[in-house]
N, C-alpha and C. Protein backbone atom coordinates (compact mmCIF):
# COMPACT_ATOMS: atom_id res chain seq x y z
N UNK A 1 145.01 50.51 44.48
CA UNK A 1 145.55 49.64 43.39
C UNK A 1 144.35 48.77 42.76
N UNK A 2 144.49 48.50 41.54
CA UNK A 2 143.52 47.63 40.91
C UNK A 2 144.25 46.51 40.09
N UNK A 3 143.78 45.29 40.28
CA UNK A 3 144.37 44.22 39.49
C UNK A 3 143.34 43.76 38.44
N UNK A 4 143.77 43.57 37.25
CA UNK A 4 142.75 43.21 36.13
C UNK A 4 143.24 41.95 35.50
N UNK A 5 142.37 41.04 35.29
CA UNK A 5 142.72 39.75 34.62
C UNK A 5 141.63 39.51 33.51
N UNK A 6 142.18 39.45 32.29
CA UNK A 6 141.27 39.24 31.12
C UNK A 6 141.22 37.70 30.92
N UNK A 7 140.15 37.34 30.26
CA UNK A 7 139.97 35.93 29.84
C UNK A 7 138.92 35.83 28.67
N UNK A 8 138.87 34.77 28.01
CA UNK A 8 137.86 34.55 26.93
C UNK A 8 138.33 34.67 25.48
N UNK A 9 139.64 35.00 25.37
CA UNK A 9 140.21 35.06 24.00
C UNK A 9 140.39 33.66 23.46
N UNK A 10 140.71 33.66 22.06
CA UNK A 10 140.86 32.52 21.43
C UNK A 10 140.77 32.55 19.98
N UNK A 11 140.69 31.43 19.33
CA UNK A 11 140.61 31.44 17.83
C UNK A 11 139.20 31.21 17.36
N UNK A 12 138.74 31.96 16.39
CA UNK A 12 137.42 31.94 15.92
C UNK A 12 137.38 32.23 14.44
N UNK A 13 136.45 31.56 13.77
CA UNK A 13 136.30 31.97 12.33
C UNK A 13 135.63 33.25 12.05
N UNK A 14 136.01 33.82 10.89
CA UNK A 14 135.31 35.14 10.52
C UNK A 14 133.75 34.91 10.58
N UNK A 15 133.14 35.97 11.21
CA UNK A 15 131.65 35.87 11.30
C UNK A 15 131.23 35.26 12.70
N UNK A 16 132.16 34.81 13.40
CA UNK A 16 131.95 34.21 14.77
C UNK A 16 131.86 35.22 15.88
N UNK A 17 131.70 34.76 17.08
CA UNK A 17 131.59 35.63 18.28
C UNK A 17 132.49 35.04 19.39
N UNK A 18 132.84 36.06 20.23
CA UNK A 18 133.58 35.79 21.46
C UNK A 18 133.20 36.78 22.48
N UNK A 19 133.23 36.30 23.76
CA UNK A 19 132.94 37.28 24.85
C UNK A 19 134.16 37.35 25.74
N UNK A 20 134.74 38.43 25.81
CA UNK A 20 135.92 38.71 26.73
C UNK A 20 135.36 39.14 28.11
N UNK A 21 136.07 38.70 29.13
CA UNK A 21 135.85 39.09 30.57
C UNK A 21 137.11 39.74 31.18
N UNK A 22 136.86 40.61 31.91
CA UNK A 22 137.85 41.24 32.73
C UNK A 22 137.48 41.36 34.18
N UNK A 23 138.13 40.51 35.03
CA UNK A 23 137.82 40.55 36.48
C UNK A 23 138.71 41.52 37.17
N UNK A 24 138.10 42.42 38.00
CA UNK A 24 138.84 43.38 38.76
C UNK A 24 138.93 43.13 40.16
N UNK A 25 139.95 43.46 40.84
CA UNK A 25 140.03 43.37 42.33
C UNK A 25 140.96 44.42 42.76
N UNK A 26 140.91 44.64 44.04
CA UNK A 26 141.88 45.59 44.78
C UNK A 26 141.22 46.88 45.25
N UNK A 27 140.27 47.32 44.67
CA UNK A 27 139.59 48.56 45.19
C UNK A 27 138.10 48.52 44.68
N UNK A 28 137.37 49.59 45.01
CA UNK A 28 135.97 49.59 44.66
C UNK A 28 135.82 49.63 43.18
N UNK A 29 135.36 48.55 42.54
CA UNK A 29 135.26 48.42 41.13
C UNK A 29 134.29 49.46 40.62
N UNK A 30 133.15 49.71 41.26
CA UNK A 30 132.11 50.47 40.77
C UNK A 30 132.47 51.97 40.70
N UNK A 31 133.71 52.45 41.28
CA UNK A 31 134.10 53.78 41.21
C UNK A 31 134.84 54.03 39.92
N UNK A 32 135.22 53.09 39.18
CA UNK A 32 136.09 53.28 38.10
C UNK A 32 135.43 53.11 36.72
N UNK A 33 135.73 54.10 35.79
CA UNK A 33 135.33 53.90 34.46
C UNK A 33 136.31 52.78 33.87
N UNK A 34 135.92 52.13 32.87
CA UNK A 34 136.60 51.07 32.31
C UNK A 34 136.71 51.03 30.82
N UNK A 35 137.70 50.44 30.22
CA UNK A 35 137.75 50.43 28.79
C UNK A 35 138.42 49.12 28.24
N UNK A 36 138.35 48.96 27.01
CA UNK A 36 139.07 47.92 26.23
C UNK A 36 139.78 48.51 25.15
N UNK A 37 141.03 47.98 24.94
CA UNK A 37 141.88 48.42 23.91
C UNK A 37 142.41 47.18 23.25
N UNK A 38 143.09 47.39 22.07
CA UNK A 38 143.65 46.10 21.40
C UNK A 38 144.94 46.56 20.65
N UNK A 39 145.78 45.62 20.46
CA UNK A 39 147.04 45.88 19.73
C UNK A 39 147.31 44.69 18.79
N UNK A 40 147.32 45.01 17.44
CA UNK A 40 147.61 44.06 16.49
C UNK A 40 149.05 44.03 16.24
N UNK A 41 149.72 42.95 15.74
CA UNK A 41 151.11 42.88 15.47
C UNK A 41 151.58 44.03 14.46
N UNK A 42 152.58 44.72 14.96
CA UNK A 42 153.18 45.81 14.10
C UNK A 42 152.27 47.07 14.15
N UNK A 43 151.25 47.14 15.00
CA UNK A 43 150.47 48.39 15.09
C UNK A 43 150.45 48.96 16.55
N UNK A 44 150.04 50.16 16.59
CA UNK A 44 149.89 50.74 17.85
C UNK A 44 148.59 50.23 18.59
N UNK A 45 148.64 50.32 19.91
CA UNK A 45 147.36 49.98 20.65
C UNK A 45 146.21 50.94 20.36
N UNK A 46 145.08 50.46 20.16
CA UNK A 46 143.97 51.34 19.71
C UNK A 46 142.74 51.13 20.69
N UNK A 47 141.94 52.14 20.81
CA UNK A 47 140.70 52.10 21.55
C UNK A 47 139.66 51.23 20.88
N UNK A 48 138.96 50.38 21.76
CA UNK A 48 137.98 49.48 21.35
C UNK A 48 136.57 49.82 21.88
N UNK A 49 136.46 50.10 23.22
CA UNK A 49 135.29 50.36 23.85
C UNK A 49 135.51 50.90 25.21
N UNK A 50 134.51 51.69 25.63
CA UNK A 50 134.63 52.30 26.97
C UNK A 50 133.26 52.35 27.63
N UNK A 51 133.25 52.29 28.99
CA UNK A 51 132.04 52.32 29.72
C UNK A 51 132.16 53.13 30.96
N UNK A 52 131.19 53.89 31.37
CA UNK A 52 131.20 54.69 32.57
C UNK A 52 131.10 53.81 33.71
N UNK A 53 131.27 54.33 34.95
CA UNK A 53 131.32 53.52 36.18
C UNK A 53 130.03 52.90 36.43
N UNK A 54 128.94 53.54 36.07
CA UNK A 54 127.58 53.06 36.25
C UNK A 54 127.11 52.08 35.17
N UNK A 55 127.78 52.13 34.04
CA UNK A 55 127.40 51.44 32.90
C UNK A 55 126.35 52.14 32.00
N UNK A 56 125.99 53.38 32.50
CA UNK A 56 124.93 54.12 31.68
C UNK A 56 125.37 54.73 30.44
N UNK A 57 126.70 54.85 30.18
CA UNK A 57 127.28 55.42 28.99
C UNK A 57 128.42 54.51 28.38
N UNK A 58 128.36 54.40 27.06
CA UNK A 58 129.35 53.56 26.41
C UNK A 58 129.74 54.33 25.13
N UNK A 59 130.94 54.01 24.61
CA UNK A 59 131.45 54.54 23.43
C UNK A 59 132.27 53.52 22.62
N UNK A 60 132.27 53.62 21.34
CA UNK A 60 133.00 52.71 20.43
C UNK A 60 133.51 53.52 19.28
N UNK A 61 134.61 53.03 18.69
CA UNK A 61 135.04 53.59 17.42
C UNK A 61 134.24 52.99 16.28
N UNK A 62 134.26 53.67 15.17
CA UNK A 62 133.42 53.20 14.08
C UNK A 62 133.85 51.78 13.67
N UNK A 63 135.04 51.36 13.82
CA UNK A 63 135.57 50.06 13.32
C UNK A 63 134.81 48.90 13.99
N UNK A 64 134.33 49.14 15.21
CA UNK A 64 133.66 47.98 15.90
C UNK A 64 132.12 48.35 16.24
N UNK A 65 131.78 49.51 16.09
CA UNK A 65 130.40 49.98 16.34
C UNK A 65 129.38 49.12 15.70
N UNK A 66 128.36 48.58 16.44
CA UNK A 66 127.39 47.69 15.90
C UNK A 66 127.71 46.30 15.98
N UNK A 67 128.98 45.95 16.26
CA UNK A 67 129.43 44.55 16.35
C UNK A 67 129.89 44.17 17.77
N UNK A 68 130.50 45.19 18.49
CA UNK A 68 131.00 44.92 19.84
C UNK A 68 130.13 45.62 20.85
N UNK A 69 129.95 45.02 21.98
CA UNK A 69 129.24 45.64 23.18
C UNK A 69 129.95 45.42 24.40
N UNK A 70 130.11 46.61 25.09
CA UNK A 70 130.82 46.55 26.40
C UNK A 70 129.69 46.66 27.43
N UNK A 71 129.93 45.90 28.46
CA UNK A 71 128.99 45.97 29.67
C UNK A 71 129.85 45.70 30.91
N UNK A 72 129.05 45.89 32.04
CA UNK A 72 129.75 45.60 33.27
C UNK A 72 128.79 45.09 34.36
N UNK A 73 129.35 44.35 35.28
CA UNK A 73 128.56 43.91 36.42
C UNK A 73 129.33 44.28 37.64
N UNK A 74 128.79 45.28 38.32
CA UNK A 74 129.47 45.91 39.48
C UNK A 74 129.36 45.02 40.68
N UNK A 75 128.52 44.08 40.73
CA UNK A 75 128.41 43.13 41.84
C UNK A 75 129.52 42.05 41.62
N UNK A 76 129.73 41.64 40.43
CA UNK A 76 130.76 40.60 40.07
C UNK A 76 132.18 41.24 39.90
N UNK A 77 132.21 42.59 39.86
CA UNK A 77 133.48 43.27 39.56
C UNK A 77 134.11 42.85 38.28
N UNK A 78 133.24 42.80 37.21
CA UNK A 78 133.69 42.32 36.02
C UNK A 78 133.17 43.16 34.88
N UNK A 79 133.96 43.33 33.81
CA UNK A 79 133.51 44.09 32.61
C UNK A 79 133.61 43.13 31.42
N UNK A 80 132.78 43.18 30.53
CA UNK A 80 132.72 42.25 29.47
C UNK A 80 132.81 43.00 28.10
N UNK A 81 133.29 42.25 27.12
CA UNK A 81 133.28 42.85 25.73
C UNK A 81 132.72 41.65 24.80
N UNK A 82 131.44 41.82 24.40
CA UNK A 82 130.83 40.81 23.53
C UNK A 82 131.18 41.27 22.10
N UNK A 83 131.78 40.35 21.34
CA UNK A 83 132.21 40.66 20.01
C UNK A 83 131.55 39.70 19.02
N UNK A 84 130.74 40.31 18.21
CA UNK A 84 129.99 39.56 17.18
C UNK A 84 130.52 39.88 15.80
N UNK A 85 130.12 39.03 14.80
CA UNK A 85 130.56 39.27 13.50
C UNK A 85 132.04 39.55 13.28
N UNK A 86 132.85 38.84 13.92
CA UNK A 86 134.30 39.08 13.98
C UNK A 86 134.93 38.95 12.61
N UNK A 87 135.94 39.80 12.40
CA UNK A 87 136.63 39.93 11.09
C UNK A 87 138.12 39.62 11.30
N UNK A 88 138.79 39.17 10.26
CA UNK A 88 140.26 38.93 10.38
C UNK A 88 140.96 40.22 10.98
N UNK A 89 140.65 41.37 10.67
CA UNK A 89 141.22 42.62 11.08
C UNK A 89 140.99 42.88 12.64
N UNK A 90 140.18 42.09 13.17
CA UNK A 90 139.92 42.15 14.71
C UNK A 90 141.02 41.46 15.40
N UNK A 91 141.77 40.70 14.70
CA UNK A 91 142.90 39.99 15.34
C UNK A 91 143.84 40.79 16.06
N UNK A 92 143.98 40.64 17.35
CA UNK A 92 144.90 41.41 18.21
C UNK A 92 144.90 40.87 19.54
N UNK A 93 145.85 41.48 20.33
CA UNK A 93 145.80 41.22 21.82
C UNK A 93 144.85 42.22 22.40
N UNK A 94 143.85 41.80 23.25
CA UNK A 94 142.93 42.73 23.80
C UNK A 94 143.23 42.93 25.25
N UNK A 95 143.25 44.27 25.66
CA UNK A 95 143.61 44.66 26.96
C UNK A 95 142.39 45.37 27.70
N UNK A 96 142.22 45.02 28.92
CA UNK A 96 141.16 45.71 29.73
C UNK A 96 142.00 46.86 30.49
N UNK A 97 141.30 47.90 30.74
CA UNK A 97 141.95 49.07 31.45
C UNK A 97 140.94 49.67 32.45
N UNK A 98 141.43 50.10 33.48
CA UNK A 98 140.72 50.83 34.52
C UNK A 98 141.24 52.21 34.84
N UNK A 99 140.39 53.07 34.96
CA UNK A 99 140.84 54.51 35.32
C UNK A 99 141.03 54.51 36.83
N UNK A 100 142.05 55.21 37.20
CA UNK A 100 142.44 55.19 38.68
C UNK A 100 141.69 56.24 39.45
N UNK A 101 141.36 57.34 38.82
CA UNK A 101 140.64 58.42 39.47
C UNK A 101 139.18 58.09 39.49
N UNK A 102 138.60 58.27 40.71
CA UNK A 102 137.12 57.97 40.88
C UNK A 102 136.34 58.97 40.00
N UNK A 103 135.43 58.37 39.35
CA UNK A 103 134.48 59.08 38.41
C UNK A 103 133.21 59.44 39.21
N UNK A 104 133.12 60.67 39.69
CA UNK A 104 131.97 61.08 40.43
C UNK A 104 130.71 61.15 39.57
N UNK A 105 130.89 61.51 38.33
CA UNK A 105 129.83 61.55 37.38
C UNK A 105 129.65 60.12 36.80
N UNK A 106 128.49 59.55 36.95
CA UNK A 106 128.33 58.21 36.59
C UNK A 106 128.25 57.96 35.09
N UNK A 107 128.15 59.05 34.26
CA UNK A 107 127.91 58.84 32.90
C UNK A 107 129.15 59.20 32.02
N UNK A 108 130.32 59.26 32.68
CA UNK A 108 131.50 59.76 31.89
C UNK A 108 132.35 58.46 31.49
N UNK A 109 132.64 58.52 30.32
CA UNK A 109 133.67 57.41 29.81
C UNK A 109 134.85 58.03 29.23
N UNK A 110 135.95 57.30 29.00
CA UNK A 110 137.16 57.73 28.51
C UNK A 110 137.72 56.88 27.37
N UNK A 111 138.27 57.56 26.33
CA UNK A 111 138.64 56.79 25.18
C UNK A 111 140.15 56.88 24.87
N UNK A 112 140.96 57.56 25.69
CA UNK A 112 142.33 57.73 25.41
C UNK A 112 143.22 56.84 26.38
N UNK A 113 144.27 56.22 25.87
CA UNK A 113 145.06 55.36 26.79
C UNK A 113 145.62 56.05 28.05
N UNK A 114 145.97 57.30 27.86
CA UNK A 114 146.71 58.06 28.90
C UNK A 114 145.59 58.30 30.07
N UNK A 115 144.32 58.11 29.84
CA UNK A 115 143.36 58.38 30.89
C UNK A 115 143.14 57.17 31.80
N UNK A 116 143.86 56.08 31.43
CA UNK A 116 143.69 54.83 32.23
C UNK A 116 144.91 54.54 33.01
N UNK A 117 144.78 54.05 34.21
CA UNK A 117 145.91 53.88 35.14
C UNK A 117 146.35 52.44 35.31
N UNK A 118 145.42 51.49 35.10
CA UNK A 118 145.72 50.07 35.47
C UNK A 118 145.29 49.33 34.06
N UNK A 119 146.17 48.35 33.87
CA UNK A 119 145.99 47.50 32.67
C UNK A 119 146.11 46.04 33.00
N UNK A 120 145.33 45.23 32.28
CA UNK A 120 145.55 43.73 32.39
C UNK A 120 146.70 43.29 31.56
N UNK A 121 146.90 41.93 31.50
CA UNK A 121 147.97 41.40 30.78
C UNK A 121 147.66 41.13 29.39
N UNK A 122 146.38 41.16 29.05
CA UNK A 122 145.89 40.95 27.66
C UNK A 122 145.55 39.58 27.39
N UNK A 123 144.64 39.47 26.40
CA UNK A 123 144.25 38.12 25.91
C UNK A 123 144.14 38.15 24.44
N UNK A 124 144.62 37.08 23.78
CA UNK A 124 144.73 37.01 22.38
C UNK A 124 143.44 36.67 21.72
N UNK A 125 143.12 37.35 20.72
CA UNK A 125 141.91 37.01 19.81
C UNK A 125 142.52 36.88 18.38
N UNK A 126 142.25 35.74 17.84
CA UNK A 126 142.61 35.45 16.49
C UNK A 126 141.35 35.07 15.60
N UNK A 127 141.13 35.81 14.56
CA UNK A 127 139.99 35.58 13.70
C UNK A 127 140.55 35.11 12.33
N UNK A 128 140.24 33.88 12.03
CA UNK A 128 140.60 33.30 10.72
C UNK A 128 139.63 33.52 9.64
N UNK A 129 140.14 33.70 8.49
CA UNK A 129 139.24 33.97 7.24
C UNK A 129 138.79 32.75 6.59
């Protein structure tokens, strides 16, 4: 079992930055690939960023590529999402997710929601124009 707790959300003006954190507990964090997803009001939850269990591989959709950076600290059992040059369309609840199956290959990441087994409660990010 993995417990995930997100923090770092808030209100920011367009062009500003935020860093989200996701603290994991319950099992060996370094065995799990991790991801971030978001859900805006009235929209489906969508993929934002993914990172392999070692941190050697990452992936982003075009909507955030070049602005968002996912990273992880396997000593602190924490995954981060650095968000720069934020836009009003980035407003959403951001969720951290952990894959339940151990990733034996250290460079594999996952981009689909069904590939993740554990989810945090979400943190609100609001970007004003």
